[in-house]
N, C-alpha and C. Protein backbone atom coordinates (compact mmCIF):
# COMPACT_ATOMS: atom_id res chain seq x y z
N UNK A 1 0.84 -1.19 0.00
CA UNK A 1 0.00 0.00 0.00
C UNK A 1 0.88 1.25 0.00
N UNK A 2 0.47 2.26 -0.76
CA UNK A 2 1.20 3.52 -0.81
C UNK A 2 0.67 4.43 0.30
N UNK A 3 1.57 4.84 1.19
CA UNK A 3 1.18 5.60 2.38
C UNK A 3 1.95 6.91 2.44
N UNK A 4 1.24 8.00 2.64
CA UNK A 4 1.86 9.30 2.90
C UNK A 4 1.95 9.47 4.41
N UNK A 5 3.15 9.70 4.91
CA UNK A 5 3.37 9.76 6.35
C UNK A 5 3.68 11.19 6.78
N UNK A 6 2.78 11.76 7.57
CA UNK A 6 3.05 13.08 8.12
C UNK A 6 4.17 12.98 9.15
N UNK A 7 5.19 13.84 9.00
CA UNK A 7 6.34 13.85 9.90
C UNK A 7 6.27 15.08 10.79
N UNK A 8 6.00 14.90 12.08
CA UNK A 8 6.00 16.04 12.98
C UNK A 8 7.44 16.50 13.24
N UNK A 9 8.39 15.57 13.11
CA UNK A 9 9.81 15.86 13.25
C UNK A 9 10.58 14.62 12.82
N UNK A 10 11.90 14.74 12.74
CA UNK A 10 12.71 13.60 12.35
C UNK A 10 12.70 12.45 13.35
N UNK A 11 13.05 12.71 14.62
CA UNK A 11 13.13 11.63 15.60
C UNK A 11 11.85 10.81 15.76
N UNK A 12 10.70 11.49 15.73
CA UNK A 12 9.44 10.78 15.90
C UNK A 12 9.05 9.94 14.68
N UNK A 13 9.70 10.21 13.55
CA UNK A 13 9.33 9.53 12.30
C UNK A 13 10.10 8.24 12.06
N UNK A 14 11.21 8.08 12.72
CA UNK A 14 12.11 6.97 12.40
C UNK A 14 11.43 5.61 12.49
N UNK A 15 10.90 5.28 13.66
CA UNK A 15 10.33 3.94 13.80
C UNK A 15 9.02 3.80 13.04
N UNK A 16 8.32 4.90 12.81
CA UNK A 16 7.08 4.83 12.02
C UNK A 16 7.41 4.33 10.62
N UNK A 17 8.39 4.95 9.99
CA UNK A 17 8.80 4.51 8.65
C UNK A 17 9.35 3.09 8.68
N UNK A 18 10.17 2.79 9.66
CA UNK A 18 10.78 1.45 9.72
C UNK A 18 9.71 0.37 9.82
N UNK A 19 8.71 0.58 10.65
CA UNK A 19 7.66 -0.43 10.81
C UNK A 19 6.80 -0.55 9.56
N UNK A 20 6.46 0.57 8.96
CA UNK A 20 5.61 0.53 7.77
C UNK A 20 6.34 -0.10 6.59
N UNK A 21 7.60 0.25 6.41
CA UNK A 21 8.39 -0.33 5.32
C UNK A 21 8.60 -1.82 5.54
N UNK A 22 8.87 -2.20 6.77
CA UNK A 22 9.04 -3.61 7.10
C UNK A 22 7.78 -4.41 6.82
N UNK A 23 6.62 -3.74 6.94
CA UNK A 23 5.34 -4.40 6.66
C UNK A 23 5.04 -4.46 5.16
N UNK A 24 5.94 -3.92 4.35
CA UNK A 24 5.79 -4.02 2.91
C UNK A 24 5.13 -2.84 2.23
N UNK A 25 4.96 -1.74 2.96
CA UNK A 25 4.31 -0.56 2.38
C UNK A 25 5.33 0.34 1.68
N UNK A 26 4.84 1.08 0.69
CA UNK A 26 5.64 2.09 0.00
C UNK A 26 5.31 3.45 0.63
N UNK A 27 6.31 4.09 1.23
CA UNK A 27 6.05 5.29 2.02
C UNK A 27 6.72 6.54 1.46
N UNK A 28 6.08 7.66 1.72
CA UNK A 28 6.65 8.97 1.41
C UNK A 28 6.38 9.88 2.60
N UNK A 29 7.35 10.70 2.96
CA UNK A 29 7.18 11.60 4.09
C UNK A 29 6.57 12.93 3.68
N UNK A 30 5.94 13.58 4.63
CA UNK A 30 5.35 14.90 4.43
C UNK A 30 5.68 15.76 5.64
N UNK A 31 6.47 16.81 5.44
CA UNK A 31 6.76 17.73 6.55
C UNK A 31 5.86 18.94 6.38
N UNK A 32 4.85 19.00 7.22
CA UNK A 32 3.91 20.12 7.22
C UNK A 32 3.57 20.43 8.67
N UNK A 33 4.18 21.48 9.22
CA UNK A 33 4.05 21.79 10.64
C UNK A 33 4.11 23.29 10.88
N UNK A 34 3.07 24.03 10.47
CA UNK A 34 3.09 25.49 10.64
C UNK A 34 2.98 25.94 12.09
N UNK A 35 2.84 25.00 13.01
CA UNK A 35 2.80 25.34 14.43
C UNK A 35 4.18 25.63 15.00
N UNK A 36 5.23 25.20 14.32
CA UNK A 36 6.58 25.29 14.88
C UNK A 36 7.10 26.71 14.84
N UNK A 37 7.49 27.22 15.99
CA UNK A 37 8.00 28.58 16.15
C UNK A 37 9.17 28.56 17.13
N UNK A 38 10.14 29.46 16.98
CA UNK A 38 10.29 30.48 15.95
C UNK A 38 10.88 29.89 14.66
N UNK A 39 11.23 30.76 13.73
CA UNK A 39 11.74 30.32 12.43
C UNK A 39 12.97 29.45 12.56
N UNK A 40 13.89 29.80 13.44
CA UNK A 40 15.12 29.01 13.60
C UNK A 40 14.80 27.58 14.02
N UNK A 41 13.80 27.42 14.88
CA UNK A 41 13.39 26.09 15.32
C UNK A 41 12.74 25.32 14.18
N UNK A 42 11.91 26.02 13.42
CA UNK A 42 11.23 25.41 12.28
C UNK A 42 12.26 24.84 11.29
N UNK A 43 13.28 25.62 10.99
CA UNK A 43 14.29 25.18 10.02
C UNK A 43 15.06 23.98 10.55
N UNK A 44 15.40 23.98 11.83
CA UNK A 44 16.12 22.85 12.43
C UNK A 44 15.30 21.57 12.31
N UNK A 45 14.02 21.68 12.59
CA UNK A 45 13.18 20.47 12.54
C UNK A 45 12.95 20.01 11.10
N UNK A 46 12.80 20.96 10.19
CA UNK A 46 12.63 20.56 8.80
C UNK A 46 13.89 19.88 8.28
N UNK A 47 15.06 20.42 8.63
CA UNK A 47 16.32 19.79 8.23
C UNK A 47 16.45 18.40 8.85
N UNK A 48 15.98 18.26 10.10
CA UNK A 48 16.02 16.95 10.75
C UNK A 48 15.12 15.95 10.06
N UNK A 49 13.97 16.41 9.58
CA UNK A 49 13.05 15.53 8.86
C UNK A 49 13.66 15.09 7.53
N UNK A 50 14.29 16.03 6.84
CA UNK A 50 14.93 15.71 5.56
C UNK A 50 16.06 14.71 5.77
N UNK A 51 16.86 14.91 6.81
CA UNK A 51 17.96 14.00 7.11
C UNK A 51 17.44 12.61 7.47
N UNK A 52 16.36 12.56 8.21
CA UNK A 52 15.75 11.28 8.57
C UNK A 52 15.28 10.54 7.33
N UNK A 53 14.59 11.25 6.44
CA UNK A 53 14.12 10.63 5.20
C UNK A 53 15.28 10.11 4.36
N UNK A 54 16.37 10.89 4.33
CA UNK A 54 17.56 10.46 3.59
C UNK A 54 18.14 9.18 4.19
N UNK A 55 18.25 9.13 5.49
CA UNK A 55 18.80 7.94 6.15
C UNK A 55 17.94 6.71 5.92
N UNK A 56 16.65 6.91 5.79
CA UNK A 56 15.72 5.80 5.60
C UNK A 56 15.45 5.50 4.13
N UNK A 57 16.02 6.33 3.24
CA UNK A 57 15.84 6.16 1.79
C UNK A 57 14.38 6.24 1.38
N UNK A 58 13.66 7.21 1.96
CA UNK A 58 12.28 7.45 1.56
C UNK A 58 12.17 8.89 1.03
N UNK A 59 11.31 9.13 0.06
CA UNK A 59 11.12 10.50 -0.44
C UNK A 59 10.37 11.35 0.59
N UNK A 60 10.48 12.66 0.44
CA UNK A 60 9.79 13.56 1.37
C UNK A 60 9.23 14.75 0.61
N UNK A 61 8.03 15.17 0.97
CA UNK A 61 7.39 16.34 0.40
C UNK A 61 7.51 17.49 1.40
N UNK A 62 7.77 18.69 0.88
CA UNK A 62 7.90 19.88 1.73
C UNK A 62 6.96 20.97 1.21
N UNK A 63 5.67 20.84 1.46
CA UNK A 63 4.70 21.80 0.92
C UNK A 63 4.49 23.01 1.81
N UNK A 64 5.55 23.46 2.48
CA UNK A 64 5.37 24.49 3.49
C UNK A 64 5.17 25.89 2.92
N UNK A 65 5.07 26.00 1.62
CA UNK A 65 4.73 27.30 1.05
C UNK A 65 3.24 27.37 0.73
N UNK A 66 2.50 26.36 1.10
CA UNK A 66 1.08 26.27 0.74
C UNK A 66 0.23 26.04 1.98
N UNK A 67 0.05 27.07 2.79
CA UNK A 67 -0.72 26.92 4.01
C UNK A 67 -1.69 28.08 4.15
N UNK A 68 -2.90 27.78 4.59
CA UNK A 68 -3.87 28.82 4.91
C UNK A 68 -4.60 28.39 6.18
N UNK A 69 -5.16 29.35 6.88
CA UNK A 69 -5.86 29.07 8.12
C UNK A 69 -7.28 29.61 8.04
N UNK A 70 -8.16 28.99 8.81
CA UNK A 70 -9.51 29.50 8.95
C UNK A 70 -9.58 30.27 10.26
N UNK A 71 -9.71 31.58 10.18
CA UNK A 71 -9.79 32.41 11.38
C UNK A 71 -10.85 33.48 11.14
N UNK A 72 -11.51 33.95 12.19
CA UNK A 72 -12.60 34.91 12.04
C UNK A 72 -12.17 36.21 11.36
N UNK A 73 -13.01 36.68 10.45
CA UNK A 73 -12.87 38.01 9.85
C UNK A 73 -11.56 38.22 9.10
N UNK A 74 -10.98 37.15 8.60
CA UNK A 74 -9.75 37.29 7.83
C UNK A 74 -9.93 36.62 6.47
N UNK A 75 -9.29 37.15 5.48
CA UNK A 75 -9.35 36.58 4.15
C UNK A 75 -8.07 35.80 3.87
N UNK A 76 -8.24 34.67 3.20
CA UNK A 76 -7.08 33.86 2.86
C UNK A 76 -6.14 34.68 1.97
N UNK A 77 -4.87 34.63 2.31
CA UNK A 77 -3.88 35.36 1.54
C UNK A 77 -3.41 36.63 2.20
N UNK A 78 -4.17 37.15 3.17
CA UNK A 78 -3.78 38.39 3.83
C UNK A 78 -2.44 38.27 4.54
N UNK A 79 -2.09 37.05 4.96
CA UNK A 79 -0.92 36.87 5.80
C UNK A 79 0.33 36.44 5.02
N UNK A 80 0.18 36.22 3.73
CA UNK A 80 1.30 35.70 2.96
C UNK A 80 2.40 36.76 2.82
N UNK A 81 3.61 36.38 3.16
CA UNK A 81 4.77 37.25 2.99
C UNK A 81 5.67 36.62 1.92
N UNK A 82 5.97 37.33 0.86
CA UNK A 82 6.71 36.72 -0.24
C UNK A 82 8.13 36.30 0.09
N UNK A 83 8.74 36.87 1.13
CA UNK A 83 10.13 36.58 1.42
C UNK A 83 10.34 35.19 2.01
N UNK A 84 9.34 34.65 2.70
CA UNK A 84 9.46 33.36 3.36
C UNK A 84 8.22 32.52 3.08
N UNK A 85 8.33 31.17 3.19
CA UNK A 85 7.14 30.34 3.04
C UNK A 85 6.07 30.73 4.05
N UNK A 86 4.82 30.65 3.66
CA UNK A 86 3.73 31.05 4.55
C UNK A 86 3.72 30.27 5.85
N UNK A 87 4.19 29.04 5.81
CA UNK A 87 4.13 28.19 7.00
C UNK A 87 5.00 28.68 8.14
N UNK A 88 5.97 29.54 7.87
CA UNK A 88 6.84 29.99 8.95
C UNK A 88 6.41 31.36 9.50
N UNK A 89 5.35 31.92 8.98
CA UNK A 89 4.83 33.21 9.46
C UNK A 89 4.03 32.96 10.73
N UNK A 90 4.41 33.53 11.88
CA UNK A 90 3.70 33.26 13.13
C UNK A 90 2.34 33.93 13.23
N UNK A 91 2.09 34.96 12.42
CA UNK A 91 0.84 35.72 12.55
C UNK A 91 -0.41 34.87 12.34
N UNK A 92 -0.53 34.10 11.26
CA UNK A 92 -1.76 33.33 11.07
C UNK A 92 -1.98 32.29 12.15
N UNK A 93 -0.90 31.69 12.62
CA UNK A 93 -1.05 30.68 13.68
C UNK A 93 -1.58 31.32 14.96
N UNK A 94 -0.99 32.44 15.36
CA UNK A 94 -1.40 33.10 16.60
C UNK A 94 -2.84 33.62 16.49
N UNK A 95 -3.20 34.15 15.33
CA UNK A 95 -4.57 34.62 15.15
C UNK A 95 -5.57 33.47 15.19
N UNK A 96 -5.18 32.35 14.62
CA UNK A 96 -6.09 31.21 14.55
C UNK A 96 -6.38 30.61 15.92
N UNK A 97 -5.41 30.65 16.84
CA UNK A 97 -5.62 30.06 18.16
C UNK A 97 -5.97 31.09 19.22
N UNK A 98 -5.97 32.36 18.85
CA UNK A 98 -6.28 33.41 19.82
C UNK A 98 -7.67 33.20 20.40
N UNK A 99 -7.75 33.22 21.73
CA UNK A 99 -9.03 33.03 22.41
C UNK A 99 -9.37 31.58 22.66
N UNK A 100 -8.60 30.67 22.10
CA UNK A 100 -8.84 29.24 22.34
C UNK A 100 -7.50 28.53 22.57
N UNK A 101 -6.66 29.20 23.33
CA UNK A 101 -5.32 28.66 23.57
C UNK A 101 -5.37 27.29 24.25
N UNK A 102 -6.35 27.07 25.10
CA UNK A 102 -6.44 25.79 25.81
C UNK A 102 -6.85 24.64 24.89
N UNK A 103 -7.41 24.98 23.71
CA UNK A 103 -7.81 23.96 22.75
C UNK A 103 -6.84 23.91 21.57
N UNK A 104 -5.73 24.59 21.68
CA UNK A 104 -4.84 24.74 20.54
C UNK A 104 -4.28 23.41 20.04
N UNK A 105 -4.09 22.45 20.92
CA UNK A 105 -3.48 21.19 20.50
C UNK A 105 -4.39 20.42 19.55
N UNK A 106 -5.67 20.38 19.83
CA UNK A 106 -6.61 19.70 18.94
C UNK A 106 -6.63 20.40 17.58
N UNK A 107 -6.65 21.73 17.61
CA UNK A 107 -6.59 22.51 16.37
C UNK A 107 -5.33 22.16 15.59
N UNK A 108 -4.22 22.07 16.28
CA UNK A 108 -2.92 21.78 15.68
C UNK A 108 -2.89 20.39 15.06
N UNK A 109 -3.34 19.39 15.80
CA UNK A 109 -3.37 18.02 15.28
C UNK A 109 -4.27 17.93 14.06
N UNK A 110 -5.46 18.53 14.16
CA UNK A 110 -6.41 18.45 13.06
C UNK A 110 -5.87 19.11 11.80
N UNK A 111 -5.27 20.28 11.96
CA UNK A 111 -4.73 21.01 10.82
C UNK A 111 -3.73 20.16 10.04
N UNK A 112 -2.82 19.54 10.75
CA UNK A 112 -1.76 18.78 10.09
C UNK A 112 -2.26 17.45 9.54
N UNK A 113 -3.13 16.79 10.29
CA UNK A 113 -3.67 15.52 9.82
C UNK A 113 -4.56 15.71 8.59
N UNK A 114 -5.38 16.73 8.61
CA UNK A 114 -6.25 16.97 7.45
C UNK A 114 -5.46 17.40 6.23
N UNK A 115 -4.38 18.16 6.42
CA UNK A 115 -3.53 18.52 5.29
C UNK A 115 -2.87 17.28 4.70
N UNK A 116 -2.43 16.37 5.55
CA UNK A 116 -1.83 15.14 5.07
C UNK A 116 -2.84 14.33 4.26
N UNK A 117 -4.07 14.24 4.76
CA UNK A 117 -5.11 13.51 4.04
C UNK A 117 -5.42 14.17 2.70
N UNK A 118 -5.46 15.49 2.71
CA UNK A 118 -5.74 16.24 1.47
C UNK A 118 -4.67 15.97 0.41
N UNK A 119 -3.41 16.06 0.80
CA UNK A 119 -2.33 15.85 -0.15
C UNK A 119 -2.28 14.39 -0.59
N UNK A 120 -2.53 13.47 0.34
CA UNK A 120 -2.55 12.05 -0.01
C UNK A 120 -3.60 11.77 -1.08
N UNK A 121 -4.77 12.35 -0.91
CA UNK A 121 -5.84 12.15 -1.88
C UNK A 121 -5.47 12.75 -3.24
N UNK A 122 -4.95 13.96 -3.24
CA UNK A 122 -4.60 14.63 -4.49
C UNK A 122 -3.50 13.91 -5.26
N UNK A 123 -2.58 13.28 -4.52
CA UNK A 123 -1.45 12.65 -5.17
C UNK A 123 -1.62 11.14 -5.35
N UNK A 124 -2.80 10.65 -5.08
CA UNK A 124 -3.10 9.26 -5.38
C UNK A 124 -2.62 8.22 -4.40
N UNK A 125 -2.36 8.64 -3.16
CA UNK A 125 -1.99 7.65 -2.15
C UNK A 125 -3.24 6.93 -1.66
N UNK A 126 -3.05 5.70 -1.26
CA UNK A 126 -4.17 4.90 -0.76
C UNK A 126 -4.46 5.19 0.71
N UNK A 127 -3.43 5.64 1.41
CA UNK A 127 -3.57 5.80 2.86
C UNK A 127 -2.60 6.86 3.37
N UNK A 128 -2.79 7.22 4.63
CA UNK A 128 -1.86 8.14 5.27
C UNK A 128 -1.70 7.74 6.73
N UNK A 129 -0.66 8.30 7.33
CA UNK A 129 -0.34 8.01 8.73
C UNK A 129 0.34 9.25 9.29
N UNK A 130 0.59 9.28 10.58
CA UNK A 130 1.29 10.41 11.18
C UNK A 130 2.22 9.95 12.29
N UNK A 131 3.38 10.58 12.35
CA UNK A 131 4.34 10.26 13.41
C UNK A 131 3.90 10.77 14.76
N UNK A 132 2.81 11.54 14.81
CA UNK A 132 2.25 11.96 16.10
C UNK A 132 1.86 10.74 16.94
N UNK A 133 1.61 9.62 16.28
CA UNK A 133 1.24 8.39 16.98
C UNK A 133 2.41 7.76 17.73
N UNK A 134 3.61 8.30 17.51
CA UNK A 134 4.79 7.80 18.21
C UNK A 134 5.01 8.53 19.54
N UNK A 135 4.58 9.77 19.61
CA UNK A 135 4.91 10.61 20.76
C UNK A 135 4.16 10.21 22.03
N UNK A 136 4.89 10.14 23.12
CA UNK A 136 4.29 9.87 24.43
C UNK A 136 3.75 11.15 25.07
N UNK A 137 3.97 12.29 24.41
CA UNK A 137 3.58 13.57 24.98
C UNK A 137 2.30 14.14 24.36
N UNK A 138 1.68 13.41 23.43
CA UNK A 138 0.47 13.88 22.77
C UNK A 138 -0.72 13.06 23.25
N UNK A 139 -1.93 13.53 22.97
CA UNK A 139 -3.15 12.79 23.30
C UNK A 139 -3.40 11.76 22.20
N UNK A 140 -2.94 10.56 22.43
CA UNK A 140 -2.95 9.52 21.41
C UNK A 140 -4.35 9.22 20.88
N UNK A 141 -5.32 9.10 21.77
CA UNK A 141 -6.66 8.72 21.35
C UNK A 141 -7.33 9.81 20.50
N UNK A 142 -7.09 11.06 20.82
CA UNK A 142 -7.66 12.14 20.02
C UNK A 142 -7.02 12.18 18.64
N UNK A 143 -5.73 11.97 18.58
CA UNK A 143 -5.04 11.93 17.29
C UNK A 143 -5.56 10.77 16.45
N UNK A 144 -5.75 9.65 17.07
CA UNK A 144 -6.30 8.47 16.39
C UNK A 144 -7.68 8.77 15.81
N UNK A 145 -8.54 9.41 16.61
CA UNK A 145 -9.89 9.73 16.15
C UNK A 145 -9.86 10.74 15.01
N UNK A 146 -8.99 11.73 15.09
CA UNK A 146 -8.86 12.72 14.02
C UNK A 146 -8.37 12.07 12.73
N UNK A 147 -7.49 11.12 12.86
CA UNK A 147 -6.98 10.42 11.69
C UNK A 147 -8.05 9.65 10.96
N UNK A 148 -8.85 8.91 11.71
CA UNK A 148 -9.92 8.13 11.09
C UNK A 148 -10.99 9.04 10.49
N UNK A 149 -11.27 10.16 11.14
CA UNK A 149 -12.27 11.10 10.62
C UNK A 149 -11.80 11.71 9.30
N UNK A 150 -10.53 12.11 9.25
CA UNK A 150 -9.99 12.69 8.01
C UNK A 150 -9.95 11.66 6.90
N UNK A 151 -9.64 10.43 7.24
CA UNK A 151 -9.61 9.37 6.24
C UNK A 151 -11.00 9.10 5.67
N UNK A 152 -11.98 9.06 6.54
CA UNK A 152 -13.36 8.82 6.11
C UNK A 152 -13.84 9.93 5.17
N UNK A 153 -13.51 11.16 5.49
CA UNK A 153 -13.93 12.30 4.68
C UNK A 153 -13.30 12.31 3.30
N UNK A 154 -12.13 11.68 3.17
CA UNK A 154 -11.40 11.69 1.90
C UNK A 154 -11.45 10.35 1.16
N UNK A 155 -12.09 9.37 1.74
CA UNK A 155 -12.14 8.06 1.09
C UNK A 155 -10.81 7.34 1.09
N UNK A 156 -10.04 7.56 2.15
CA UNK A 156 -8.72 6.95 2.29
C UNK A 156 -8.69 6.02 3.49
N UNK A 157 -7.60 5.31 3.63
CA UNK A 157 -7.37 4.51 4.83
C UNK A 157 -6.42 5.28 5.74
N UNK A 158 -6.69 5.22 7.02
CA UNK A 158 -5.77 5.79 8.01
C UNK A 158 -5.05 4.62 8.65
N UNK A 159 -3.74 4.58 8.49
CA UNK A 159 -2.95 3.48 9.02
C UNK A 159 -2.65 3.77 10.48
N UNK A 160 -3.29 3.01 11.35
CA UNK A 160 -3.13 3.24 12.78
C UNK A 160 -2.27 2.15 13.42
N UNK A 161 -1.34 2.60 14.24
CA UNK A 161 -0.57 1.70 15.08
C UNK A 161 -0.08 2.50 16.27
N UNK A 162 0.00 1.87 17.42
CA UNK A 162 0.52 2.55 18.59
C UNK A 162 2.04 2.42 18.57
N UNK A 163 2.68 3.41 17.98
CA UNK A 163 4.13 3.38 17.83
C UNK A 163 4.87 3.75 19.12
N UNK A 164 4.14 4.12 20.15
CA UNK A 164 4.78 4.52 21.40
C UNK A 164 5.59 3.40 22.03
N UNK A 165 5.24 2.17 21.71
CA UNK A 165 5.97 1.03 22.30
C UNK A 165 7.40 0.97 21.77
N UNK A 166 7.69 1.70 20.69
CA UNK A 166 9.04 1.73 20.12
C UNK A 166 9.78 3.01 20.50
N UNK A 167 9.33 3.67 21.55
CA UNK A 167 9.89 4.96 21.97
C UNK A 167 11.40 4.90 22.14
N UNK A 168 11.88 3.92 22.89
CA UNK A 168 13.32 3.82 23.19
C UNK A 168 14.12 3.63 21.91
N UNK A 169 13.62 2.80 21.01
CA UNK A 169 14.31 2.55 19.75
C UNK A 169 14.46 3.83 18.94
N UNK A 170 13.39 4.62 18.87
CA UNK A 170 13.42 5.88 18.12
C UNK A 170 14.39 6.88 18.72
N UNK A 171 14.41 6.97 20.05
CA UNK A 171 15.32 7.90 20.73
C UNK A 171 16.77 7.50 20.46
N UNK A 172 17.07 6.23 20.59
CA UNK A 172 18.44 5.76 20.40
C UNK A 172 18.92 5.97 18.96
N UNK A 173 18.06 5.67 17.99
CA UNK A 173 18.46 5.83 16.60
C UNK A 173 18.65 7.30 16.23
N UNK A 174 17.76 8.16 16.73
CA UNK A 174 17.89 9.58 16.41
C UNK A 174 19.19 10.14 16.98
N UNK A 175 19.59 9.67 18.14
CA UNK A 175 20.85 10.11 18.73
C UNK A 175 22.03 9.55 17.96
N UNK A 176 21.95 8.29 17.56
CA UNK A 176 23.03 7.67 16.79
C UNK A 176 23.22 8.39 15.46
N UNK A 177 22.12 8.82 14.85
CA UNK A 177 22.17 9.47 13.54
C UNK A 177 22.46 10.97 13.64
N UNK A 178 22.44 11.49 14.86
CA UNK A 178 22.69 12.91 15.05
C UNK A 178 21.56 13.80 14.56
N UNK A 179 20.33 13.30 14.62
CA UNK A 179 19.16 14.07 14.19
C UNK A 179 18.79 15.06 15.30
N UNK A 180 18.50 16.28 14.92
CA UNK A 180 18.12 17.31 15.90
C UNK A 180 16.92 16.86 16.72
N UNK A 181 17.05 16.96 18.04
CA UNK A 181 15.97 16.58 18.97
C UNK A 181 15.47 17.83 19.68
N UNK A 182 14.21 18.16 19.45
CA UNK A 182 13.63 19.36 20.02
C UNK A 182 13.31 19.19 21.51
N UNK A 183 13.16 20.31 22.20
CA UNK A 183 12.91 20.30 23.63
C UNK A 183 11.50 20.74 24.01
N UNK A 184 10.66 21.05 23.02
CA UNK A 184 9.27 21.40 23.28
C UNK A 184 8.44 21.04 22.07
N UNK A 185 7.13 21.03 22.23
CA UNK A 185 6.24 20.51 21.21
C UNK A 185 6.36 21.28 19.90
N UNK A 186 6.24 22.60 19.94
CA UNK A 186 6.35 23.34 18.69
C UNK A 186 5.97 24.80 18.76
N UNK A 187 4.80 25.10 19.32
CA UNK A 187 4.35 26.49 19.34
C UNK A 187 4.94 27.24 20.52
N UNK A 188 4.80 28.55 20.51
CA UNK A 188 5.39 29.36 21.57
C UNK A 188 4.73 29.11 22.92
N UNK A 189 3.48 28.64 22.90
CA UNK A 189 2.82 28.32 24.16
C UNK A 189 3.50 27.12 24.82
N UNK A 190 3.84 26.12 24.02
CA UNK A 190 4.49 24.94 24.58
C UNK A 190 5.92 25.27 25.02
N UNK A 191 6.57 26.19 24.31
CA UNK A 191 7.92 26.60 24.73
C UNK A 191 7.84 27.31 26.08
N UNK A 192 6.83 28.17 26.24
CA UNK A 192 6.66 28.87 27.51
C UNK A 192 6.39 27.86 28.64
N UNK A 193 5.52 26.88 28.38
CA UNK A 193 5.20 25.89 29.40
C UNK A 193 6.44 25.10 29.82
N UNK A 194 7.31 24.82 28.86
CA UNK A 194 8.54 24.10 29.16
C UNK A 194 9.39 24.88 30.16
N UNK A 195 9.61 26.16 29.89
CA UNK A 195 10.44 26.98 30.78
C UNK A 195 9.73 27.27 32.09
N UNK A 196 8.41 27.41 32.03
CA UNK A 196 7.65 27.69 33.24
C UNK A 196 7.75 26.53 34.24
N UNK A 197 7.68 25.31 33.70
CA UNK A 197 7.83 24.13 34.56
C UNK A 197 9.23 24.08 35.17
N UNK A 198 10.22 24.41 34.36
CA UNK A 198 11.60 24.36 34.85
C UNK A 198 11.84 25.37 35.95
N UNK A 199 11.34 26.59 35.77
CA UNK A 199 11.54 27.62 36.80
C UNK A 199 10.68 27.34 38.03
N UNK A 200 9.50 26.80 37.83
CA UNK A 200 8.63 26.51 38.96
C UNK A 200 9.26 25.47 39.90
N UNK A 201 10.00 24.53 39.31
CA UNK A 201 10.63 23.49 40.12
C UNK A 201 11.75 24.03 40.99
N UNK A 202 12.23 25.24 40.66
CA UNK A 202 13.31 25.84 41.43
C UNK A 202 12.81 26.69 42.59
N UNK A 203 11.50 26.98 42.58
CA UNK A 203 10.94 27.86 43.61
C UNK A 203 10.55 27.09 44.85
């Protein structure tokens, strides 16, 4: 089966690709993560995803110049800056989650999963998957439900597996390969929470 695999980052994608390829599937990676901020972090993670795909000998798509958001009272295209891909512009992301910061993770998962399903359908893939299913720090069941919903809407298969059981393997391989390992989920809210927890433990 031809599967498009959404890559949230390089380290989280390693065992996902390894298991799917070992099962006989033909895989292609997709790096689409407009939640990642700031720009320097975004570039590091994109480079890590590219390096991971290279090490695994799988192709990768980088459609990060093609992103739009649904936000109140805004027109698509207002936020596009010609100097950089739209996906690295923090303005649309912050506007889209403004007022619903506590629900931002579901918005974030849905945005990326639905984009993966959309591209998979357009490019003739039979199925899609996401490396979010590897992370022990995400809401696994919600991601699973979003995946099946997006698949149903597009007439595709969502390849589900609980990749968290391979956590140690993925960590060890990413370190052996020298793949950049991030210290927070992606958005500035998660970066703040990371530092807030660290400082709180000192008080």
